[in-house]
């Protein structure tokens, strides 16, 4: 018989290079203004994005050089491995656990290719056992942190007493492309940052919160909303449809349907913890979920301090919410390529 999984701890990490938003705007102007006639109009996104700073696995000047797929992916493997190690170490330390006690490791990442996967690359250094079960997950994008959390919770509940470590790590800045004279690329240079978040989850008697339920909703014929293009220079961001209006029109019925499958409704939720994809996305979510303007305060703070780090970002929001005092029932949610919404309901420990 399965037991209820519980969140035991969270650890987060960012790389060492600070990308100040003003400096990023100046660098982007230097790289694009002379070659992209629409740049001045699009560059307003640097001010409207709601971001003060971000962090990158490389210093800002590195991105102004033409680098191909091989250089970018090498930077991914190096930077993401360090972020994995740092975030996992913090989560394990907070749980008072050694890496040798972990039974499953779920690794979520979509911003580079690593085979062997990141968990294998840091295994000896962290101290994982040789019988640890590795579950690498690719392609979930911004929804990856929440979906990975759900996968980890399902593993934990299927084998009570086991320790599951979920690590979401992304190096989104490596998708900055000097050769891409597109609106999507300019938005990416104003929005994306790098980071990692790790969660320890186990079906034990103690924890920060109980994982009540999880679910996903995917919309048909929406493959073009978000994703990666792949070519000789590396990964390139795809935003072929405006995400804020899509979220405002579609997220409420999707989340309602996910909750209904577990006998819950929107009125049962004390707090939504949302992936802050951008300032306009946060506004759209508040409108769609009938939340008061400014309700998603932790989301705005995380966006301002770190930018959109894709998969780990929702876990950064959850960490802040826990620090402020987790409400009785919180729904952690994110949207990502597919196009998909992913949700996890958490009940705070008594």
C-alpha atoms as a PDB file:
ATOM      1  CA  UNK A   1       0.000   0.000   0.000  1.00  0.00           C
ATOM      2  CA  UNK A   2       1.384   3.400  -0.951  1.00  0.00           C
ATOM      3  CA  UNK A   3       2.116   6.105   1.634  1.00  0.00           C
ATOM      4  CA  UNK A   4       1.891   9.862   1.247  1.00  0.00           C
ATOM      5  CA  UNK A   5       5.078  11.521   0.045  1.00  0.00           C
ATOM      6  CA  UNK A   6       6.363  14.552   1.929  1.00  0.00           C
ATOM      7  CA  UNK A   7       8.679  17.385   1.028  1.00  0.00           C
ATOM      8  CA  UNK A   8      11.611  17.195   3.439  1.00  0.00           C
ATOM      9  CA  UNK A   9      13.875  20.004   2.240  1.00  0.00           C
ATOM     10  CA  UNK A  10      14.795  22.382  -0.591  1.00  0.00           C
ATOM     11  CA  UNK A  11      18.189  23.608  -1.786  1.00  0.00           C
ATOM     12  CA  UNK A  12      18.816  26.252  -4.463  1.00  0.00           C
ATOM     13  CA  UNK A  13      21.914  27.483  -6.275  1.00  0.00           C
ATOM     14  CA  UNK A  14      22.946  30.021  -8.918  1.00  0.00           C
ATOM     15  CA  UNK A  15      26.208  30.344 -10.884  1.00  0.00           C
ATOM     16  CA  UNK A  16      28.839  32.958  -9.972  1.00  0.00           C
ATOM     17  CA  UNK A  17      28.449  35.472 -12.804  1.00  0.00           C
ATOM     18  CA  UNK A  18      25.954  38.278 -12.129  1.00  0.00           C
ATOM     19  CA  UNK A  19      24.116  39.663 -15.157  1.00  0.00           C
ATOM     20  CA  UNK A  20      22.815  43.107 -14.198  1.00  0.00           C
ATOM     21  CA  UNK A  21      19.779  43.942 -16.317  1.00  0.00           C
ATOM     22  CA  UNK A  22      21.106  47.356 -17.359  1.00  0.00           C
ATOM     23  CA  UNK A  23      24.426  45.813 -18.388  1.00  0.00           C
ATOM     24  CA  UNK A  24      22.558  43.135 -20.315  1.00  0.00           C
ATOM     25  CA  UNK A  25      20.584  45.812 -22.170  1.00  0.00           C
ATOM     26  CA  UNK A  26      23.777  47.667 -23.090  1.00  0.00           C
ATOM     27  CA  UNK A  27      25.459  44.463 -24.280  1.00  0.00           C
ATOM     28  CA  UNK A  28      22.393  43.479 -26.291  1.00  0.00           C
ATOM     29  CA  UNK A  29      22.312  46.910 -27.942  1.00  0.00           C
ATOM     30  CA  UNK A  30      25.966  46.494 -28.890  1.00  0.00           C
ATOM     31  CA  UNK A  31      25.254  43.080 -30.379  1.00  0.00           C
ATOM     32  CA  UNK A  32      21.988  43.721 -32.241  1.00  0.00           C
ATOM     33  CA  UNK A  33      21.149  47.407 -32.816  1.00  0.00           C
ATOM     34  CA  UNK A  34      23.200  47.850 -35.985  1.00  0.00           C
ATOM     35  CA  UNK A  35      21.889  44.637 -37.554  1.00  0.00           C
ATOM     36  CA  UNK A  36      18.254  44.458 -36.417  1.00  0.00           C
ATOM     37  CA  UNK A  37      16.017  47.337 -37.486  1.00  0.00           C
ATOM     38  CA  UNK A  38      13.313  46.526 -34.938  1.00  0.00           C
ATOM     39  CA  UNK A  39      15.723  46.308 -32.007  1.00  0.00           C
ATOM     40  CA  UNK A  40      14.983  49.686 -30.395  1.00  0.00           C
ATOM     41  CA  UNK A  41      11.290  48.873 -30.130  1.00  0.00           C
ATOM     42  CA  UNK A  42      11.887  45.363 -28.826  1.00  0.00           C
ATOM     43  CA  UNK A  43      14.592  46.468 -26.380  1.00  0.00           C
ATOM     44  CA  UNK A  44      11.916  47.986 -24.133  1.00  0.00           C
ATOM     45  CA  UNK A  45      11.468  44.450 -22.780  1.00  0.00           C
ATOM     46  CA  UNK A  46      14.650  44.909 -20.725  1.00  0.00           C
ATOM     47  CA  UNK A  47      12.796  47.487 -18.600  1.00  0.00           C
ATOM     48  CA  UNK A  48       9.343  45.893 -18.652  1.00  0.00           C
ATOM     49  CA  UNK A  49      10.476  42.341 -17.780  1.00  0.00           C
ATOM     50  CA  UNK A  50      10.498  43.040 -14.039  1.00  0.00           C
ATOM     51  CA  UNK A  51      14.101  41.850 -13.636  1.00  0.00           C
ATOM     52  CA  UNK A  52      16.966  43.549 -11.805  1.00  0.00           C
ATOM     53  CA  UNK A  53      19.612  40.864 -12.193  1.00  0.00           C
ATOM     54  CA  UNK A  54      20.214  37.308 -13.325  1.00  0.00           C
ATOM     55  CA  UNK A  55      23.062  34.841 -13.063  1.00  0.00           C
ATOM     56  CA  UNK A  56      24.978  33.068 -15.825  1.00  0.00           C
ATOM     57  CA  UNK A  57      27.402  30.179 -16.084  1.00  0.00           C
ATOM     58  CA  UNK A  58      29.619  32.480 -18.167  1.00  0.00           C
ATOM     59  CA  UNK A  59      30.467  36.205 -17.831  1.00  0.00           C
ATOM     60  CA  UNK A  60      28.451  38.557 -20.001  1.00  0.00           C
ATOM     61  CA  UNK A  61      31.260  39.181 -22.522  1.00  0.00           C
ATOM     62  CA  UNK A  62      31.347  35.457 -23.339  1.00  0.00           C
ATOM     63  CA  UNK A  63      27.868  35.689 -24.838  1.00  0.00           C
ATOM     64  CA  UNK A  64      28.992  38.428 -27.229  1.00  0.00           C
ATOM     65  CA  UNK A  65      31.330  36.040 -28.986  1.00  0.00           C
ATOM     66  CA  UNK A  66      30.134  33.691 -31.695  1.00  0.00           C
ATOM     67  CA  UNK A  67      30.120  30.231 -30.162  1.00  0.00           C
ATOM     68  CA  UNK A  68      28.900  27.064 -31.817  1.00  0.00           C
ATOM     69  CA  UNK A  69      27.001  24.121 -30.442  1.00  0.00           C
ATOM     70  CA  UNK A  70      30.115  22.366 -29.109  1.00  0.00           C
ATOM     71  CA  UNK A  71      31.240  25.353 -26.993  1.00  0.00           C
ATOM     72  CA  UNK A  72      27.752  26.019 -25.695  1.00  0.00           C
ATOM     73  CA  UNK A  73      27.136  22.419 -24.717  1.00  0.00           C
ATOM     74  CA  UNK A  74      30.534  22.169 -23.024  1.00  0.00           C
ATOM     75  CA  UNK A  75      29.558  25.234 -20.979  1.00  0.00           C
ATOM     76  CA  UNK A  76      26.255  23.537 -20.164  1.00  0.00           C
ATOM     77  CA  UNK A  77      27.893  20.355 -18.910  1.00  0.00           C
ATOM     78  CA  UNK A  78      30.408  22.243 -16.788  1.00  0.00           C
ATOM     79  CA  UNK A  79      27.979  24.842 -15.405  1.00  0.00           C
ATOM     80  CA  UNK A  80      25.010  22.542 -14.892  1.00  0.00           C
ATOM     81  CA  UNK A  81      27.148  19.947 -13.114  1.00  0.00           C
ATOM     82  CA  UNK A  82      28.337  22.566 -10.625  1.00  0.00           C
ATOM     83  CA  UNK A  83      24.803  23.832 -10.083  1.00  0.00           C
ATOM     84  CA  UNK A  84      23.542  20.275  -9.575  1.00  0.00           C
ATOM     85  CA  UNK A  85      26.254  19.616  -7.000  1.00  0.00           C
ATOM     86  CA  UNK A  86      25.575  22.839  -5.096  1.00  0.00           C
ATOM     87  CA  UNK A  87      21.766  22.597  -5.000  1.00  0.00           C
ATOM     88  CA  UNK A  88      21.732  18.882  -4.177  1.00  0.00           C
ATOM     89  CA  UNK A  89      24.291  19.368  -1.421  1.00  0.00           C
ATOM     90  CA  UNK A  90      22.216  22.138   0.180  1.00  0.00           C
ATOM     91  CA  UNK A  91      18.999  20.094   0.052  1.00  0.00           C
ATOM     92  CA  UNK A  92      20.681  17.032   1.559  1.00  0.00           C
ATOM     93  CA  UNK A  93      22.331  19.100   4.284  1.00  0.00           C
ATOM     94  CA  UNK A  94      18.983  20.699   5.160  1.00  0.00           C
ATOM     95  CA  UNK A  95      17.450  17.230   5.420  1.00  0.00           C
ATOM     96  CA  UNK A  96      20.369  16.010   7.559  1.00  0.00           C
ATOM     97  CA  UNK A  97      21.073  13.299   5.007  1.00  0.00           C
ATOM     98  CA  UNK A  98      24.152  12.023   3.203  1.00  0.00           C
ATOM     99  CA  UNK A  99      24.113  11.453  -0.549  1.00  0.00           C
ATOM    100  CA  UNK A 100      24.711   7.767   0.165  1.00  0.00           C
ATOM    101  CA  UNK A 101      21.202   7.604   1.664  1.00  0.00           C
ATOM    102  CA  UNK A 102      19.500   8.637  -1.589  1.00  0.00           C
ATOM    103  CA  UNK A 103      17.698   5.795  -3.389  1.00  0.00           C
ATOM    104  CA  UNK A 104      16.374   7.633  -6.461  1.00  0.00           C
ATOM    105  CA  UNK A 105      17.626  10.778  -8.195  1.00  0.00           C
ATOM    106  CA  UNK A 106      15.334  12.553 -10.675  1.00  0.00           C
ATOM    107  CA  UNK A 107      17.304  14.986 -12.839  1.00  0.00           C
ATOM    108  CA  UNK A 108      15.319  17.572 -14.802  1.00  0.00           C
ATOM    109  CA  UNK A 109      17.094  19.619 -17.474  1.00  0.00           C
ATOM    110  CA  UNK A 110      16.295  20.829 -20.997  1.00  0.00           C
ATOM    111  CA  UNK A 111      19.004  23.377 -21.828  1.00  0.00           C
ATOM    112  CA  UNK A 112      21.793  21.074 -22.995  1.00  0.00           C
ATOM    113  CA  UNK A 113      22.699  17.475 -23.776  1.00  0.00           C
ATOM    114  CA  UNK A 114      24.688  15.357 -21.346  1.00  0.00           C
ATOM    115  CA  UNK A 115      25.170  11.639 -21.866  1.00  0.00           C
ATOM    116  CA  UNK A 116      26.098  10.329 -19.316  1.00  0.00           C
ATOM    117  CA  UNK A 117      23.539  12.556 -17.596  1.00  0.00           C
ATOM    118  CA  UNK A 118      24.369  15.195 -14.993  1.00  0.00           C
ATOM    119  CA  UNK A 119      23.619  12.912 -12.032  1.00  0.00           C
ATOM    120  CA  UNK A 120      26.221  10.432 -13.239  1.00  0.00           C
ATOM    121  CA  UNK A 121      28.802  13.175 -13.694  1.00  0.00           C
ATOM    122  CA  UNK A 122      28.560  14.286 -10.057  1.00  0.00           C
ATOM    123  CA  UNK A 123      27.802  10.871  -8.553  1.00  0.00           C
ATOM    124  CA  UNK A 124      31.246  10.110  -7.112  1.00  0.00           C
ATOM    125  CA  UNK A 125      31.806  13.676  -5.974  1.00  0.00           C
ATOM    126  CA  UNK A 126      28.472  13.820  -4.135  1.00  0.00           C
ATOM    127  CA  UNK A 127      28.754  10.296  -2.772  1.00  0.00           C
ATOM    128  CA  UNK A 128      25.784   8.499  -4.348  1.00  0.00           C
ATOM    129  CA  UNK A 129      25.650   4.699  -3.868  1.00  0.00           C
ATOM    130  CA  UNK A 130      26.399   2.500  -6.820  1.00  0.00           C
ATOM    131  CA  UNK A 131      22.839   1.102  -6.749  1.00  0.00           C
ATOM    132  CA  UNK A 132      21.086   4.477  -6.912  1.00  0.00           C
ATOM    133  CA  UNK A 133      18.271   4.600  -9.488  1.00  0.00           C
ATOM    134  CA  UNK A 134      18.835   7.467 -11.946  1.00  0.00           C
ATOM    135  CA  UNK A 135      15.832   9.071 -13.691  1.00  0.00           C
ATOM    136  CA  UNK A 136      16.937  11.779 -16.160  1.00  0.00           C
ATOM    137  CA  UNK A 137      14.036  13.847 -17.550  1.00  0.00           C
ATOM    138  CA  UNK A 138      14.422  16.052 -20.646  1.00  0.00           C
ATOM    139  CA  UNK A 139      12.164  18.372 -22.632  1.00  0.00           C
ATOM    140  CA  UNK A 140       9.727  19.716 -20.028  1.00  0.00           C
ATOM    141  CA  UNK A 141      11.155  23.246 -20.078  1.00  0.00           C
ATOM    142  CA  UNK A 142       9.598  25.684 -17.613  1.00  0.00           C
ATOM    143  CA  UNK A 143       7.174  23.027 -16.339  1.00  0.00           C
ATOM    144  CA  UNK A 144      10.048  20.689 -15.489  1.00  0.00           C
ATOM    145  CA  UNK A 145      10.514  21.650 -11.837  1.00  0.00           C
ATOM    146  CA  UNK A 146       6.882  20.992 -10.964  1.00  0.00           C
ATOM    147  CA  UNK A 147       6.627  17.859 -13.134  1.00  0.00           C
ATOM    148  CA  UNK A 148       9.913  16.551 -11.728  1.00  0.00           C
ATOM    149  CA  UNK A 149       8.624  17.191  -8.206  1.00  0.00           C
ATOM    150  CA  UNK A 150       5.509  15.145  -9.056  1.00  0.00           C
ATOM    151  CA  UNK A 151       7.588  12.275 -10.469  1.00  0.00           C
ATOM    152  CA  UNK A 152       9.761  12.256  -7.345  1.00  0.00           C
ATOM    153  CA  UNK A 153       6.680  12.217  -5.099  1.00  0.00           C
ATOM    154  CA  UNK A 154       5.198   9.288  -7.011  1.00  0.00           C
ATOM    155  CA  UNK A 155       8.442   7.337  -6.652  1.00  0.00           C
ATOM    156  CA  UNK A 156       8.583   8.125  -2.936  1.00  0.00           C
ATOM    157  CA  UNK A 157       4.992   7.041  -2.293  1.00  0.00           C
ATOM    158  CA  UNK A 158       5.469   3.802  -4.252  1.00  0.00           C
ATOM    159  CA  UNK A 159       8.309   2.706  -1.962  1.00  0.00           C
ATOM    160  CA  UNK A 160       7.788   4.048   1.588  1.00  0.00           C
ATOM    161  CA  UNK A 161      11.013   4.785   3.404  1.00  0.00           C
ATOM    162  CA  UNK A 162      13.055   5.478   0.286  1.00  0.00           C
ATOM    163  CA  UNK A 163      14.764   8.818  -0.221  1.00  0.00           C
ATOM    164  CA  UNK A 164      14.166  10.603  -3.536  1.00  0.00           C
ATOM    165  CA  UNK A 165      16.249  13.568  -4.637  1.00  0.00           C
ATOM    166  CA  UNK A 166      14.853  15.757  -7.432  1.00  0.00           C
ATOM    167  CA  UNK A 167      17.228  18.249  -9.054  1.00  0.00           C
ATOM    168  CA  UNK A 168      16.069  20.750 -11.692  1.00  0.00           C
ATOM    169  CA  UNK A 169      18.980  22.555 -13.339  1.00  0.00           C
ATOM    170  CA  UNK A 170      18.965  24.871 -16.337  1.00  0.00           C
ATOM    171  CA  UNK A 171      21.489  27.098 -18.133  1.00  0.00           C
ATOM    172  CA  UNK A 172      19.041  29.131 -20.204  1.00  0.00           C
ATOM    173  CA  UNK A 173      21.544  31.904 -20.922  1.00  0.00           C
ATOM    174  CA  UNK A 174      23.416  29.593 -23.288  1.00  0.00           C
ATOM    175  CA  UNK A 175      20.539  30.045 -25.729  1.00  0.00           C
ATOM    176  CA  UNK A 176      21.475  33.722 -26.257  1.00  0.00           C
ATOM    177  CA  UNK A 177      22.253  33.816 -29.983  1.00  0.00           C
ATOM    178  CA  UNK A 178      23.977  36.645 -31.878  1.00  0.00           C
ATOM    179  CA  UNK A 179      22.898  35.104 -35.188  1.00  0.00           C
ATOM    180  CA  UNK A 180      19.172  35.067 -34.321  1.00  0.00           C
ATOM    181  CA  UNK A 181      17.645  38.400 -35.341  1.00  0.00           C
ATOM    182  CA  UNK A 182      14.208  37.564 -33.949  1.00  0.00           C
ATOM    183  CA  UNK A 183      11.813  38.942 -31.364  1.00  0.00           C
ATOM    184  CA  UNK A 184      11.987  35.655 -29.440  1.00  0.00           C
ATOM    185  CA  UNK A 185      15.767  35.899 -29.135  1.00  0.00           C
ATOM    186  CA  UNK A 186      15.664  39.491 -27.884  1.00  0.00           C
ATOM    187  CA  UNK A 187      13.044  38.514 -25.290  1.00  0.00           C
ATOM    188  CA  UNK A 188      15.262  35.604 -24.237  1.00  0.00           C
ATOM    189  CA  UNK A 189      18.274  37.869 -23.723  1.00  0.00           C
ATOM    190  CA  UNK A 190      16.126  40.066 -21.451  1.00  0.00           C
ATOM    191  CA  UNK A 191      14.491  37.260 -19.509  1.00  0.00           C
ATOM    192  CA  UNK A 192      16.571  34.140 -19.004  1.00  0.00           C
ATOM    193  CA  UNK A 193      18.937  33.253 -16.171  1.00  0.00           C
ATOM    194  CA  UNK A 194      20.646  30.112 -14.902  1.00  0.00           C
ATOM    195  CA  UNK A 195      20.045  28.192 -11.686  1.00  0.00           C
ATOM    196  CA  UNK A 196      19.217  24.926  -9.960  1.00  0.00           C
ATOM    197  CA  UNK A 197      16.787  23.732  -7.301  1.00  0.00           C
ATOM    198  CA  UNK A 198      16.776  20.426  -5.449  1.00  0.00           C
ATOM    199  CA  UNK A 199      14.113  18.777  -3.292  1.00  0.00           C
ATOM    200  CA  UNK A 200      14.355  15.813  -0.940  1.00  0.00           C
ATOM    201  CA  UNK A 201      11.087  13.869  -0.914  1.00  0.00           C
ATOM    202  CA  UNK A 202      10.195  10.778   1.098  1.00  0.00           C
ATOM    203  CA  UNK A 203       7.132   8.974   2.489  1.00  0.00           C
ATOM    204  CA  UNK A 204       7.969   9.538   6.140  1.00  0.00           C
ATOM    205  CA  UNK A 205       6.096  10.802   9.183  1.00  0.00           C
ATOM    206  CA  UNK A 206       7.847  14.187   9.172  1.00  0.00           C
ATOM    207  CA  UNK A 207       8.273  16.876   6.540  1.00  0.00           C
ATOM    208  CA  UNK A 208       7.608  20.451   5.553  1.00  0.00           C
ATOM    209  CA  UNK A 209       4.515  19.543   3.562  1.00  0.00           C
ATOM    210  CA  UNK A 210       2.512  16.547   2.406  1.00  0.00           C
ATOM    211  CA  UNK A 211       2.154  15.978  -1.324  1.00  0.00           C
ATOM    212  CA  UNK A 212      -1.606  15.729  -1.680  1.00  0.00           C
ATOM    213  CA  UNK A 213      -1.965  15.282  -5.436  1.00  0.00           C
ATOM    214  CA  UNK A 214      -0.411  16.087  -8.795  1.00  0.00           C
ATOM    215  CA  UNK A 215      -1.567  16.310 -12.373  1.00  0.00           C
ATOM    216  CA  UNK A 216      -1.012  17.748 -15.825  1.00  0.00           C
ATOM    217  CA  UNK A 217      -3.079  19.239 -18.602  1.00  0.00           C
ATOM    218  CA  UNK A 218      -1.879  19.412 -22.214  1.00  0.00           C
ATOM    219  CA  UNK A 219      -3.535  21.485 -24.932  1.00  0.00           C
ATOM    220  CA  UNK A 220      -3.780  20.029 -28.463  1.00  0.00           C
ATOM    221  CA  UNK A 221      -2.155  21.770 -31.416  1.00  0.00           C
ATOM    222  CA  UNK A 222       0.087  23.953 -29.259  1.00  0.00           C
ATOM    223  CA  UNK A 223       3.554  22.634 -30.121  1.00  0.00           C
ATOM    224  CA  UNK A 224       4.478  26.029 -31.540  1.00  0.00           C
ATOM    225  CA  UNK A 225       3.996  28.030 -28.339  1.00  0.00           C
ATOM    226  CA  UNK A 226       7.344  27.265 -26.710  1.00  0.00           C
ATOM    227  CA  UNK A 227      10.391  25.109 -27.355  1.00  0.00           C
ATOM    228  CA  UNK A 228      13.871  24.906 -28.831  1.00  0.00           C
ATOM    229  CA  UNK A 229      15.127  25.039 -32.379  1.00  0.00           C
ATOM    230  CA  UNK A 230      18.340  23.077 -32.918  1.00  0.00           C
ATOM    231  CA  UNK A 231      21.007  24.014 -35.448  1.00  0.00           C
ATOM    232  CA  UNK A 232      24.764  24.338 -35.836  1.00  0.00           C
ATOM    233  CA  UNK A 233      25.028  27.274 -33.415  1.00  0.00           C
ATOM    234  CA  UNK A 234      23.108  25.531 -30.634  1.00  0.00           C
ATOM    235  CA  UNK A 235      19.640  25.763 -29.112  1.00  0.00           C
ATOM    236  CA  UNK A 236      17.445  28.688 -30.091  1.00  0.00           C
ATOM    237  CA  UNK A 237      14.325  29.748 -28.227  1.00  0.00           C
ATOM    238  CA  UNK A 238      10.891  29.440 -29.840  1.00  0.00           C
ATOM    239  CA  UNK A 239       8.080  31.752 -28.714  1.00  0.00           C
ATOM    240  CA  UNK A 240       5.710  31.562 -31.661  1.00  0.00           C
ATOM    241  CA  UNK A 241       2.630  32.636 -29.735  1.00  0.00           C
ATOM    242  CA  UNK A 242       2.195  35.169 -26.957  1.00  0.00           C
ATOM    243  CA  UNK A 243       2.125  33.230 -23.696  1.00  0.00           C
ATOM    244  CA  UNK A 244       0.433  35.786 -21.364  1.00  0.00           C
ATOM    245  CA  UNK A 245      -2.878  35.962 -23.302  1.00  0.00           C
ATOM    246  CA  UNK A 246      -2.868  32.185 -23.724  1.00  0.00           C
ATOM    247  CA  UNK A 247      -2.378  31.732 -19.977  1.00  0.00           C
ATOM    248  CA  UNK A 248      -5.097  34.241 -19.136  1.00  0.00           C
ATOM    249  CA  UNK A 249      -7.591  32.497 -21.409  1.00  0.00           C
ATOM    250  CA  UNK A 250      -6.741  28.878 -20.662  1.00  0.00           C
ATOM    251  CA  UNK A 251      -5.039  28.284 -17.306  1.00  0.00           C
ATOM    252  CA  UNK A 252      -8.092  28.536 -15.031  1.00  0.00           C
ATOM    253  CA  UNK A 253     -10.146  25.718 -16.639  1.00  0.00           C
ATOM    254  CA  UNK A 254      -7.016  23.555 -16.935  1.00  0.00           C
ATOM    255  CA  UNK A 255      -6.101  23.854 -13.255  1.00  0.00           C
ATOM    256  CA  UNK A 256      -9.765  23.421 -12.283  1.00  0.00           C
ATOM    257  CA  UNK A 257      -9.846  20.142 -14.211  1.00  0.00           C
ATOM    258  CA  UNK A 258      -6.626  18.897 -12.586  1.00  0.00           C
ATOM    259  CA  UNK A 259      -7.928  19.701  -9.101  1.00  0.00           C
ATOM    260  CA  UNK A 260     -11.359  18.182  -9.806  1.00  0.00           C
ATOM    261  CA  UNK A 261      -9.786  14.800 -10.487  1.00  0.00           C
ATOM    262  CA  UNK A 262      -8.771  14.759  -6.812  1.00  0.00           C
ATOM    263  CA  UNK A 263     -12.021  16.200  -5.520  1.00  0.00           C
ATOM    264  CA  UNK A 264     -10.675  19.743  -5.099  1.00  0.00           C
ATOM    265  CA  UNK A 265     -11.728  23.108  -6.475  1.00  0.00           C
ATOM    266  CA  UNK A 266     -10.063  26.479  -6.851  1.00  0.00           C
ATOM    267  CA  UNK A 267     -11.815  27.702  -3.716  1.00  0.00           C
ATOM    268  CA  UNK A 268     -10.002  25.022  -1.671  1.00  0.00           C
ATOM    269  CA  UNK A 269      -6.591  26.541  -2.449  1.00  0.00           C
ATOM    270  CA  UNK A 270      -5.039  28.997  -0.005  1.00  0.00           C
ATOM    271  CA  UNK A 271      -2.098  29.991  -2.205  1.00  0.00           C
ATOM    272  CA  UNK A 272      -0.987  29.362  -5.758  1.00  0.00           C
ATOM    273  CA  UNK A 273       2.812  29.193  -6.127  1.00  0.00           C
ATOM    274  CA  UNK A 274       3.386  29.878  -9.821  1.00  0.00           C
ATOM    275  CA  UNK A 275       6.301  29.742 -12.187  1.00  0.00           C
ATOM    276  CA  UNK A 276       7.055  33.425 -12.937  1.00  0.00           C
ATOM    277  CA  UNK A 277       7.712  33.233 -16.661  1.00  0.00           C
ATOM    278  CA  UNK A 278       7.749  37.013 -16.933  1.00  0.00           C
ATOM    279  CA  UNK A 279       6.051  40.088 -15.512  1.00  0.00           C
ATOM    280  CA  UNK A 280       3.171  39.888 -17.996  1.00  0.00           C
ATOM    281  CA  UNK A 281       2.759  36.162 -17.311  1.00  0.00           C
ATOM    282  CA  UNK A 282       2.400  36.868 -13.588  1.00  0.00           C
ATOM    283  CA  UNK A 283      -0.226  39.533 -14.314  1.00  0.00           C
ATOM    284  CA  UNK A 284      -2.075  37.083 -16.563  1.00  0.00           C
ATOM    285  CA  UNK A 285      -2.051  34.358 -13.904  1.00  0.00           C
ATOM    286  CA  UNK A 286      -3.422  36.720 -11.263  1.00  0.00           C
ATOM    287  CA  UNK A 287      -6.221  37.712 -13.639  1.00  0.00           C
ATOM    288  CA  UNK A 288      -7.015  34.154 -14.750  1.00  0.00           C
ATOM    289  CA  UNK A 289      -7.106  32.748 -11.215  1.00  0.00           C
ATOM    290  CA  UNK A 290      -9.064  35.735  -9.873  1.00  0.00           C
ATOM    291  CA  UNK A 291      -6.291  36.677  -7.481  1.00  0.00           C
ATOM    292  CA  UNK A 292      -5.864  40.200  -6.200  1.00  0.00           C
ATOM    293  CA  UNK A 293      -3.264  42.258  -8.027  1.00  0.00           C
ATOM    294  CA  UNK A 294       0.051  41.768  -6.228  1.00  0.00           C
ATOM    295  CA  UNK A 295      -0.947  38.428  -4.688  1.00  0.00           C
ATOM    296  CA  UNK A 296       1.912  36.648  -6.440  1.00  0.00           C
ATOM    297  CA  UNK A 297       4.496  38.723  -4.564  1.00  0.00           C
ATOM    298  CA  UNK A 298       7.073  35.960  -4.103  1.00  0.00           C
ATOM    299  CA  UNK A 299       6.882  35.230  -7.832  1.00  0.00           C
ATOM    300  CA  UNK A 300       7.703  38.842  -8.669  1.00  0.00           C
ATOM    301  CA  UNK A 301      10.583  38.871  -6.177  1.00  0.00           C
ATOM    302  CA  UNK A 302      12.115  35.697  -7.613  1.00  0.00           C
ATOM    303  CA  UNK A 303      11.746  37.018 -11.161  1.00  0.00           C
ATOM    304  CA  UNK A 304      13.408  40.297 -10.141  1.00  0.00           C
ATOM    305  CA  UNK A 305      16.314  38.590  -8.373  1.00  0.00           C
ATOM    306  CA  UNK A 306      17.003  35.687 -10.746  1.00  0.00           C
ATOM    307  CA  UNK A 307      15.085  36.100 -14.004  1.00  0.00           C
ATOM    308  CA  UNK A 308      13.328  33.158 -15.608  1.00  0.00           C
ATOM    309  CA  UNK A 309      15.533  30.116 -14.932  1.00  0.00           C
ATOM    310  CA  UNK A 310      13.002  27.756 -16.527  1.00  0.00           C
ATOM    311  CA  UNK A 311      12.449  24.520 -14.540  1.00  0.00           C
ATOM    312  CA  UNK A 312      14.019  25.512 -11.176  1.00  0.00           C
ATOM    313  CA  UNK A 313      12.171  28.832 -10.881  1.00  0.00           C
ATOM    314  CA  UNK A 314       8.927  27.498  -9.386  1.00  0.00           C
ATOM    315  CA  UNK A 315      10.940  25.728  -6.669  1.00  0.00           C
ATOM    316  CA  UNK A 316      12.674  29.046  -5.841  1.00  0.00           C
ATOM    317  CA  UNK A 317       9.181  30.507  -5.350  1.00  0.00           C
ATOM    318  CA  UNK A 318       8.175  27.578  -3.129  1.00  0.00           C
ATOM    319  CA  UNK A 319      11.321  28.048  -1.041  1.00  0.00           C
ATOM    320  CA  UNK A 320      10.406  31.699  -0.387  1.00  0.00           C
ATOM    321  CA  UNK A 321       6.836  30.773   0.414  1.00  0.00           C
ATOM    322  CA  UNK A 322       8.018  28.210   2.961  1.00  0.00           C
ATOM    323  CA  UNK A 323      10.298  30.798   4.510  1.00  0.00           C
ATOM    324  CA  UNK A 324       7.351  33.179   4.893  1.00  0.00           C
ATOM    325  CA  UNK A 325       5.096  30.463   6.334  1.00  0.00           C
ATOM    326  CA  UNK A 326       3.453  27.889   4.091  1.00  0.00           C
ATOM    327  CA  UNK A 327      -0.365  28.217   3.955  1.00  0.00           C
ATOM    328  CA  UNK A 328      -2.554  25.201   4.734  1.00  0.00           C
ATOM    329  CA  UNK A 329      -2.920  24.184   1.073  1.00  0.00           C
ATOM    330  CA  UNK A 330      -0.639  25.424  -1.715  1.00  0.00           C
ATOM    331  CA  UNK A 331      -0.772  24.500  -5.387  1.00  0.00           C
ATOM    332  CA  UNK A 332       2.596  24.658  -7.138  1.00  0.00           C
ATOM    333  CA  UNK A 333       2.081  25.184 -10.851  1.00  0.00           C
ATOM    334  CA  UNK A 334       4.008  25.883 -14.047  1.00  0.00           C
ATOM    335  CA  UNK A 335       3.464  25.880 -17.798  1.00  0.00           C
ATOM    336  CA  UNK A 336       5.892  24.510 -20.351  1.00  0.00           C
ATOM    337  CA  UNK A 337       6.373  23.189 -23.870  1.00  0.00           C
ATOM    338  CA  UNK A 338       3.805  20.752 -25.046  1.00  0.00           C
ATOM    339  CA  UNK A 339       1.963  23.083 -24.288  1.00  0.00           C
ATOM    340  CA  UNK A 340       1.353  21.772 -20.768  1.00  0.00           C
ATOM    341  CA  UNK A 341       0.357  22.904 -17.288  1.00  0.00           C
ATOM    342  CA  UNK A 342       1.688  20.914 -14.359  1.00  0.00           C
ATOM    343  CA  UNK A 343       0.375  21.096 -10.773  1.00  0.00           C
ATOM    344  CA  UNK A 344       1.257  19.713  -7.341  1.00  0.00           C
ATOM    345  CA  UNK A 345      -0.904  20.287  -4.265  1.00  0.00           C
ATOM    346  CA  UNK A 346       0.921  20.581  -0.936  1.00  0.00           C
ATOM    347  CA  UNK A 347      -0.621  20.498   2.536  1.00  0.00           C
ATOM    348  CA  UNK A 348       1.490  22.210   5.198  1.00  0.00           C
ATOM    349  CA  UNK A 349       2.635  20.082   8.128  1.00  0.00           C
ATOM    350  CA  UNK A 350       0.531  20.627  11.240  1.00  0.00           C
END
